[in-house]
Amino acid sequence: MKYFIAILAILSMHHIDTAHAETRYITDVLYIPMRSGAGNQYRILRSGLKSGTKLTVLEESEDGEWTKVALSNGQEGYVRNQYLISTPTAASRLNEALASVTRLEKERGQLKQQVQTLQTERSTLQNTLSSESTKATNTAAELEEIKRISADTLALNQRHQDMLQRHQLLQTDLDVLKAENERLKNDNRQQWFMYGVGAVLCGVILTLILPRLPSKRRNSEWAN
């Protein structure tokens, strides 16, 4: 239906070029002669111009029955006005319409191919976008995991530092206790040493005193 409308539209168009000389077309007669002058007595330059041949109007004869025209190759001559019309013949217009339809069909095929290509590219871009979106989601999850691990690492490091400080304090306390214990040991040894020295001195004193005491007194003392 749309092609039929296009053909009707093309057939209804008037091919008038205002920027150039006026053009006319041979009517739907099969062939007409083109003569060297405006009359049948002049010789025929072209024995038969086919219907639909495009002619450029140069001038009209004084009697208005002939028109001087020029062909597309530049050849000039006269043809009768009765064979000229201002629009292309139906056959010419039909051929033009068919050519336009063919051209439109070709353009339609090209556009269809372009649409298919664009759809393929769109599908590829959608797949790429989906893949990149998945990667972005995974990357975000990995980043959150790294943040969590980093936070745990910082907490562990802080606990480690606290434990080191506690260890240093405990080590200091231990060193103090060791020093105190060593001092107590030294004091104990000194005390026992003094006890030993005292006992030795007492023994020496007794050894020196007892022989000098009277024997009787000693016996009485022993008796008592």
C-alpha atoms as a PDB file:
ATOM      1  CA  MET A   1       0.000   0.000   0.000  1.00  0.00           C
ATOM      2  CA  LYS A   2       2.748   2.442   0.920  1.00  0.00           C
ATOM      3  CA  TYR A   3       4.556   1.747  -2.380  1.00  0.00           C
ATOM      4  CA  PHE A   4       1.361   2.470  -4.318  1.00  0.00           C
ATOM      5  CA  ILE A   5       0.970   5.788  -2.513  1.00  0.00           C
ATOM      6  CA  ALA A   6       4.622   6.592  -3.217  1.00  0.00           C
ATOM      7  CA  ILE A   7       4.103   5.836  -6.921  1.00  0.00           C
ATOM      8  CA  LEU A   8       1.007   8.075  -7.034  1.00  0.00           C
ATOM      9  CA  ALA A   9       2.922  10.845  -5.314  1.00  0.00           C
ATOM     10  CA  ILE A  10       5.790  10.566  -7.783  1.00  0.00           C
ATOM     11  CA  LEU A  11       3.419  10.457 -10.745  1.00  0.00           C
ATOM     12  CA  SER A  12       1.755  13.660  -9.498  1.00  0.00           C
ATOM     13  CA  MET A  13       5.025  15.580  -9.340  1.00  0.00           C
ATOM     14  CA  HIS A  14       5.844  18.181 -12.007  1.00  0.00           C
ATOM     15  CA  HIS A  15       9.428  18.232 -13.183  1.00  0.00           C
ATOM     16  CA  ILE A  16       9.866  21.973 -13.649  1.00  0.00           C
ATOM     17  CA  ASP A  17      13.360  23.353 -13.226  1.00  0.00           C
ATOM     18  CA  THR A  18      12.961  27.114 -12.763  1.00  0.00           C
ATOM     19  CA  ALA A  19      16.741  27.663 -12.708  1.00  0.00           C
ATOM     20  CA  HIS A  20      17.128  26.374 -16.305  1.00  0.00           C
ATOM     21  CA  ALA A  21      15.358  26.605 -19.632  1.00  0.00           C
ATOM     22  CA  GLU A  22      11.835  25.217 -19.913  1.00  0.00           C
ATOM     23  CA  THR A  23      11.656  21.522 -20.806  1.00  0.00           C
ATOM     24  CA  ARG A  24       8.915  19.582 -22.584  1.00  0.00           C
ATOM     25  CA  TYR A  25       8.404  15.894 -23.433  1.00  0.00           C
ATOM     26  CA  ILE A  26       7.166  13.936 -26.433  1.00  0.00           C
ATOM     27  CA  THR A  27       3.657  12.564 -25.910  1.00  0.00           C
ATOM     28  CA  ASP A  28       2.810   8.879 -25.821  1.00  0.00           C
ATOM     29  CA  VAL A  29       3.274   8.571 -29.609  1.00  0.00           C
ATOM     30  CA  LEU A  30       5.845   5.932 -30.432  1.00  0.00           C
ATOM     31  CA  TYR A  31       8.195   8.040 -32.574  1.00  0.00           C
ATOM     32  CA  ILE A  32       8.215  11.549 -34.097  1.00  0.00           C
ATOM     33  CA  PRO A  33      10.644  13.175 -36.526  1.00  0.00           C
ATOM     34  CA  MET A  34      12.829  16.166 -35.750  1.00  0.00           C
ATOM     35  CA  ARG A  35      13.345  18.509 -38.731  1.00  0.00           C
ATOM     36  CA  SER A  36      15.874  21.158 -39.573  1.00  0.00           C
ATOM     37  CA  GLY A  37      13.205  23.870 -39.850  1.00  0.00           C
ATOM     38  CA  ALA A  38       9.682  24.774 -38.767  1.00  0.00           C
ATOM     39  CA  GLY A  39       7.790  22.906 -41.500  1.00  0.00           C
ATOM     40  CA  ASN A  40       7.318  19.551 -43.137  1.00  0.00           C
ATOM     41  CA  GLN A  41       9.339  20.691 -46.127  1.00  0.00           C
ATOM     42  CA  TYR A  42      12.536  20.739 -44.083  1.00  0.00           C
ATOM     43  CA  ARG A  43      14.707  17.671 -43.965  1.00  0.00           C
ATOM     44  CA  ILE A  44      14.484  15.202 -41.092  1.00  0.00           C
ATOM     45  CA  LEU A  45      17.441  15.319 -38.749  1.00  0.00           C
ATOM     46  CA  ARG A  46      16.225  12.475 -36.539  1.00  0.00           C
ATOM     47  CA  SER A  47      13.770  10.043 -38.038  1.00  0.00           C
ATOM     48  CA  GLY A  48      12.199   9.016 -34.796  1.00  0.00           C
ATOM     49  CA  LEU A  49      12.365  10.405 -31.287  1.00  0.00           C
ATOM     50  CA  LYS A  50      11.030   7.920 -28.788  1.00  0.00           C
ATOM     51  CA  SER A  51       8.133   8.812 -26.536  1.00  0.00           C
ATOM     52  CA  GLY A  52       9.321  10.296 -23.257  1.00  0.00           C
ATOM     53  CA  THR A  53      12.466  11.836 -24.759  1.00  0.00           C
ATOM     54  CA  LYS A  54      13.467  14.905 -22.779  1.00  0.00           C
ATOM     55  CA  LEU A  55      13.820  18.083 -24.868  1.00  0.00           C
ATOM     56  CA  THR A  56      14.962  21.588 -24.011  1.00  0.00           C
ATOM     57  CA  VAL A  57      12.756  24.325 -25.504  1.00  0.00           C
ATOM     58  CA  LEU A  58      14.725  27.005 -27.373  1.00  0.00           C
ATOM     59  CA  GLU A  59      11.996  28.959 -29.198  1.00  0.00           C
ATOM     60  CA  GLU A  60       8.601  28.605 -30.895  1.00  0.00           C
ATOM     61  CA  SER A  61       7.794  29.332 -34.525  1.00  0.00           C
ATOM     62  CA  GLU A  62       5.709  32.370 -35.465  1.00  0.00           C
ATOM     63  CA  ASP A  63       2.713  30.244 -36.409  1.00  0.00           C
ATOM     64  CA  GLY A  64       2.876  28.444 -33.046  1.00  0.00           C
ATOM     65  CA  GLU A  65       2.853  24.980 -34.631  1.00  0.00           C
ATOM     66  CA  TRP A  66       6.522  24.177 -34.270  1.00  0.00           C
ATOM     67  CA  THR A  67       9.046  24.435 -31.443  1.00  0.00           C
ATOM     68  CA  LYS A  68      12.792  24.552 -31.726  1.00  0.00           C
ATOM     69  CA  VAL A  69      14.285  22.117 -29.233  1.00  0.00           C
ATOM     70  CA  ALA A  70      17.657  20.706 -28.224  1.00  0.00           C
ATOM     71  CA  LEU A  71      18.455  17.105 -27.346  1.00  0.00           C
ATOM     72  CA  SER A  72      20.579  16.084 -24.415  1.00  0.00           C
ATOM     73  CA  ASN A  73      23.554  15.629 -26.785  1.00  0.00           C
ATOM     74  CA  GLY A  74      23.224  19.256 -27.979  1.00  0.00           C
ATOM     75  CA  GLN A  75      21.621  18.537 -31.355  1.00  0.00           C
ATOM     76  CA  GLU A  76      18.925  21.102 -32.311  1.00  0.00           C
ATOM     77  CA  GLY A  77      15.859  20.846 -34.522  1.00  0.00           C
ATOM     78  CA  TYR A  78      12.121  21.441 -34.819  1.00  0.00           C
ATOM     79  CA  VAL A  79       9.196  19.242 -33.741  1.00  0.00           C
ATOM     80  CA  ARG A  80       5.451  19.821 -33.881  1.00  0.00           C
ATOM     81  CA  ASN A  81       3.884  21.307 -30.771  1.00  0.00           C
ATOM     82  CA  GLN A  82       1.067  18.752 -30.861  1.00  0.00           C
ATOM     83  CA  TYR A  83       3.561  16.069 -29.795  1.00  0.00           C
ATOM     84  CA  LEU A  84       4.919  18.032 -26.836  1.00  0.00           C
ATOM     85  CA  ILE A  85       3.638  17.999 -23.280  1.00  0.00           C
ATOM     86  CA  SER A  86       4.848  19.794 -20.166  1.00  0.00           C
ATOM     87  CA  THR A  87       5.108  16.671 -18.045  1.00  0.00           C
ATOM     88  CA  PRO A  88       6.786  13.321 -18.618  1.00  0.00           C
ATOM     89  CA  THR A  89       4.683  10.557 -20.154  1.00  0.00           C
ATOM     90  CA  ALA A  90       2.928   8.041 -17.963  1.00  0.00           C
ATOM     91  CA  ALA A  91       5.426   5.390 -18.991  1.00  0.00           C
ATOM     92  CA  SER A  92       8.339   7.642 -18.082  1.00  0.00           C
ATOM     93  CA  ARG A  93       6.732   8.543 -14.798  1.00  0.00           C
ATOM     94  CA  LEU A  94       6.027   4.885 -14.137  1.00  0.00           C
ATOM     95  CA  ASN A  95       9.645   3.994 -14.874  1.00  0.00           C
ATOM     96  CA  GLU A  96      10.784   6.788 -12.590  1.00  0.00           C
ATOM     97  CA  ALA A  97       8.376   5.596  -9.938  1.00  0.00           C
ATOM     98  CA  LEU A  98       9.614   2.030 -10.265  1.00  0.00           C
ATOM     99  CA  ALA A  99      13.196   3.262 -10.079  1.00  0.00           C
ATOM    100  CA  SER A 100      12.300   5.267  -6.967  1.00  0.00           C
ATOM    101  CA  VAL A 101      10.625   2.216  -5.456  1.00  0.00           C
ATOM    102  CA  THR A 102      13.704   0.134  -6.230  1.00  0.00           C
ATOM    103  CA  ARG A 103      15.902   2.809  -4.693  1.00  0.00           C
ATOM    104  CA  LEU A 104      13.643   3.017  -1.641  1.00  0.00           C
ATOM    105  CA  GLU A 105      13.690  -0.769  -1.306  1.00  0.00           C
ATOM    106  CA  LYS A 106      17.456  -0.722  -1.463  1.00  0.00           C
ATOM    107  CA  GLU A 107      17.617   2.051   1.135  1.00  0.00           C
ATOM    108  CA  ARG A 108      15.110   0.135   3.257  1.00  0.00           C
ATOM    109  CA  GLY A 109      17.323  -2.958   3.073  1.00  0.00           C
ATOM    110  CA  GLN A 110      20.346  -0.878   4.023  1.00  0.00           C
ATOM    111  CA  LEU A 111      18.459   0.697   6.923  1.00  0.00           C
ATOM    112  CA  LYS A 112      17.266  -2.734   8.024  1.00  0.00           C
ATOM    113  CA  GLN A 113      20.851  -3.971   7.956  1.00  0.00           C
ATOM    114  CA  GLN A 114      21.948  -0.913   9.934  1.00  0.00           C
ATOM    115  CA  VAL A 115      19.172  -1.559  12.475  1.00  0.00           C
ATOM    116  CA  GLN A 116      20.290  -5.175  12.833  1.00  0.00           C
ATOM    117  CA  THR A 117      23.890  -4.027  13.266  1.00  0.00           C
ATOM    118  CA  LEU A 118      22.842  -1.468  15.865  1.00  0.00           C
ATOM    119  CA  GLN A 119      20.763  -4.095  17.677  1.00  0.00           C
ATOM    120  CA  THR A 120      23.757  -6.434  17.715  1.00  0.00           C
ATOM    121  CA  GLU A 121      25.985  -3.641  19.014  1.00  0.00           C
ATOM    122  CA  ARG A 122      23.324  -2.762  21.610  1.00  0.00           C
ATOM    123  CA  SER A 123      23.166  -6.389  22.748  1.00  0.00           C
ATOM    124  CA  THR A 124      26.959  -6.515  22.953  1.00  0.00           C
ATOM    125  CA  LEU A 125      27.035  -3.278  24.942  1.00  0.00           C
ATOM    126  CA  GLN A 126      24.338  -4.590  27.280  1.00  0.00           C
ATOM    127  CA  ASN A 127      26.351  -7.757  27.874  1.00  0.00           C
ATOM    128  CA  THR A 128      29.482  -5.698  28.450  1.00  0.00           C
ATOM    129  CA  LEU A 129      27.589  -3.402  30.819  1.00  0.00           C
ATOM    130  CA  SER A 130      26.208  -6.394  32.716  1.00  0.00           C
ATOM    131  CA  SER A 131      29.674  -7.906  32.954  1.00  0.00           C
ATOM    132  CA  GLU A 132      31.188  -4.618  34.120  1.00  0.00           C
ATOM    133  CA  SER A 133      28.359  -4.201  36.631  1.00  0.00           C
ATOM    134  CA  THR A 134      29.074  -7.668  38.004  1.00  0.00           C
ATOM    135  CA  LYS A 135      32.778  -6.841  38.215  1.00  0.00           C
ATOM    136  CA  ALA A 136      31.970  -3.581  39.993  1.00  0.00           C
ATOM    137  CA  THR A 137      29.773  -5.446  42.486  1.00  0.00           C
ATOM    138  CA  ASN A 138      32.513  -8.010  43.105  1.00  0.00           C
ATOM    139  CA  THR A 139      35.096  -5.261  43.449  1.00  0.00           C
ATOM    140  CA  ALA A 140      32.899  -3.431  45.966  1.00  0.00           C
ATOM    141  CA  ALA A 141      32.473  -6.660  47.943  1.00  0.00           C
ATOM    142  CA  GLU A 142      36.240  -7.265  47.863  1.00  0.00           C
ATOM    143  CA  LEU A 143      36.834  -3.687  48.999  1.00  0.00           C
ATOM    144  CA  GLU A 144      34.453  -4.144  51.924  1.00  0.00           C
ATOM    145  CA  GLU A 145      36.233  -7.386  52.817  1.00  0.00           C
ATOM    146  CA  ILE A 146      39.590  -5.617  52.650  1.00  0.00           C
ATOM    147  CA  LYS A 147      38.235  -2.852  54.892  1.00  0.00           C
ATOM    148  CA  ARG A 148      36.969  -5.421  57.362  1.00  0.00           C
ATOM    149  CA  ILE A 149      40.271  -7.299  57.321  1.00  0.00           C
ATOM    150  CA  SER A 150      42.127  -4.000  57.693  1.00  0.00           C
ATOM    151  CA  ALA A 151      39.946  -3.079  60.661  1.00  0.00           C
ATOM    152  CA  ASP A 152      40.550  -6.511  62.203  1.00  0.00           C
ATOM    153  CA  THR A 153      44.262  -6.134  61.536  1.00  0.00           C
ATOM    154  CA  LEU A 154      44.319  -2.740  63.219  1.00  0.00           C
ATOM    155  CA  ALA A 155      42.415  -4.152  66.182  1.00  0.00           C
ATOM    156  CA  LEU A 156      44.811  -7.085  66.386  1.00  0.00           C
ATOM    157  CA  ASN A 157      47.759  -4.743  66.158  1.00  0.00           C
ATOM    158  CA  GLN A 158      46.312  -2.609  68.940  1.00  0.00           C
ATOM    159  CA  ARG A 159      45.778  -5.697  71.081  1.00  0.00           C
ATOM    160  CA  HIS A 160      49.315  -6.788  70.288  1.00  0.00           C
ATOM    161  CA  GLN A 161      50.647  -3.413  71.377  1.00  0.00           C
ATOM    162  CA  ASP A 162      48.603  -3.621  74.575  1.00  0.00           C
ATOM    163  CA  MET A 163      49.929  -7.110  75.244  1.00  0.00           C
ATOM    164  CA  LEU A 164      53.484  -5.907  74.642  1.00  0.00           C
ATOM    165  CA  GLN A 165      52.990  -3.117  77.132  1.00  0.00           C
ATOM    166  CA  ARG A 166      51.508  -5.544  79.659  1.00  0.00           C
ATOM    167  CA  HIS A 167      54.396  -7.905  78.993  1.00  0.00           C
ATOM    168  CA  GLN A 168      56.860  -5.098  79.625  1.00  0.00           C
ATOM    169  CA  LEU A 169      55.082  -4.237  82.877  1.00  0.00           C
ATOM    170  CA  LEU A 170      55.013  -7.888  83.940  1.00  0.00           C
ATOM    171  CA  GLN A 171      58.662  -8.258  82.996  1.00  0.00           C
ATOM    172  CA  THR A 172      59.496  -5.206  85.077  1.00  0.00           C
ATOM    173  CA  ASP A 173      57.515  -6.601  88.013  1.00  0.00           C
ATOM    174  CA  LEU A 174      59.258  -9.932  87.560  1.00  0.00           C
ATOM    175  CA  ASP A 175      62.654  -8.270  87.547  1.00  0.00           C
ATOM    176  CA  VAL A 176      61.729  -6.398  90.722  1.00  0.00           C
ATOM    177  CA  LEU A 177      60.558  -9.634  92.355  1.00  0.00           C
ATOM    178  CA  LYS A 178      63.735 -11.399  91.289  1.00  0.00           C
ATOM    179  CA  ALA A 179      65.838  -8.589  92.749  1.00  0.00           C
ATOM    180  CA  GLU A 180      63.807  -8.644  95.983  1.00  0.00           C
ATOM    181  CA  ASN A 181      64.067 -12.409  96.184  1.00  0.00           C
ATOM    182  CA  GLU A 182      67.782 -12.245  95.616  1.00  0.00           C
ATOM    183  CA  ARG A 183      68.079  -9.585  98.320  1.00  0.00           C
ATOM    184  CA  LEU A 184      66.070 -11.716 100.731  1.00  0.00           C
ATOM    185  CA  LYS A 185      68.245 -14.698  99.957  1.00  0.00           C
ATOM    186  CA  ASN A 186      71.337 -12.628 100.628  1.00  0.00           C
ATOM    187  CA  ASP A 187      69.829 -11.326 103.883  1.00  0.00           C
ATOM    188  CA  ASN A 188      68.935 -14.874 104.928  1.00  0.00           C
ATOM    189  CA  ARG A 189      72.410 -16.114 104.162  1.00  0.00           C
ATOM    190  CA  GLN A 190      73.907 -13.226 106.077  1.00  0.00           C
ATOM    191  CA  GLN A 191      71.580 -13.939 109.014  1.00  0.00           C
ATOM    192  CA  TRP A 192      72.520 -17.591 109.132  1.00  0.00           C
ATOM    193  CA  PHE A 193      76.122 -16.620 108.750  1.00  0.00           C
ATOM    194  CA  MET A 194      75.800 -14.345 111.765  1.00  0.00           C
ATOM    195  CA  TYR A 195      74.087 -17.139 113.678  1.00  0.00           C
ATOM    196  CA  GLY A 196      76.956 -19.442 112.836  1.00  0.00           C
ATOM    197  CA  VAL A 197      79.524 -16.867 113.818  1.00  0.00           C
ATOM    198  CA  GLY A 198      77.693 -16.290 117.104  1.00  0.00           C
ATOM    199  CA  ALA A 199      77.577 -19.994 117.829  1.00  0.00           C
ATOM    200  CA  VAL A 200      81.268 -20.311 117.101  1.00  0.00           C
ATOM    201  CA  LEU A 201      82.033 -17.367 119.334  1.00  0.00           C
ATOM    202  CA  CYS A 202      79.924 -18.865 122.140  1.00  0.00           C
ATOM    203  CA  GLY A 203      81.791 -22.134 121.781  1.00  0.00           C
ATOM    204  CA  VAL A 204      85.113 -20.378 121.922  1.00  0.00           C
ATOM    205  CA  ILE A 205      84.070 -18.379 124.965  1.00  0.00           C
ATOM    206  CA  LEU A 206      82.840 -21.487 126.757  1.00  0.00           C
ATOM    207  CA  THR A 207      86.030 -23.269 125.872  1.00  0.00           C
ATOM    208  CA  LEU A 208      88.052 -20.448 127.392  1.00  0.00           C
ATOM    209  CA  ILE A 209      85.949 -19.967 130.518  1.00  0.00           C
ATOM    210  CA  LEU A 210      85.087 -23.485 131.642  1.00  0.00           C
ATOM    211  CA  PRO A 211      88.650 -24.666 132.351  1.00  0.00           C
ATOM    212  CA  ARG A 212      89.208 -21.757 134.720  1.00  0.00           C
ATOM    213  CA  LEU A 213      86.233 -22.470 136.918  1.00  0.00           C
ATOM    214  CA  PRO A 214      86.915 -24.341 140.319  1.00  0.00           C
ATOM    215  CA  SER A 215      86.367 -28.003 140.114  1.00  0.00           C
ATOM    216  CA  LYS A 216      84.088 -28.185 143.143  1.00  0.00           C
ATOM    217  CA  ARG A 217      81.980 -25.427 141.891  1.00  0.00           C
ATOM    218  CA  ARG A 218      81.740 -27.165 138.682  1.00  0.00           C
ATOM    219  CA  ASN A 219      80.677 -30.382 140.337  1.00  0.00           C
ATOM    220  CA  SER A 220      78.114 -28.624 142.469  1.00  0.00           C
ATOM    221  CA  GLU A 221      76.845 -26.922 139.484  1.00  0.00           C
ATOM    222  CA  TRP A 222      76.687 -30.215 137.741  1.00  0.00           C
ATOM    223  CA  ALA A 223      74.929 -31.743 140.683  1.00  0.00           C
ATOM    224  CA  ASN A 224      72.454 -29.060 140.804  1.00  0.00           C
END
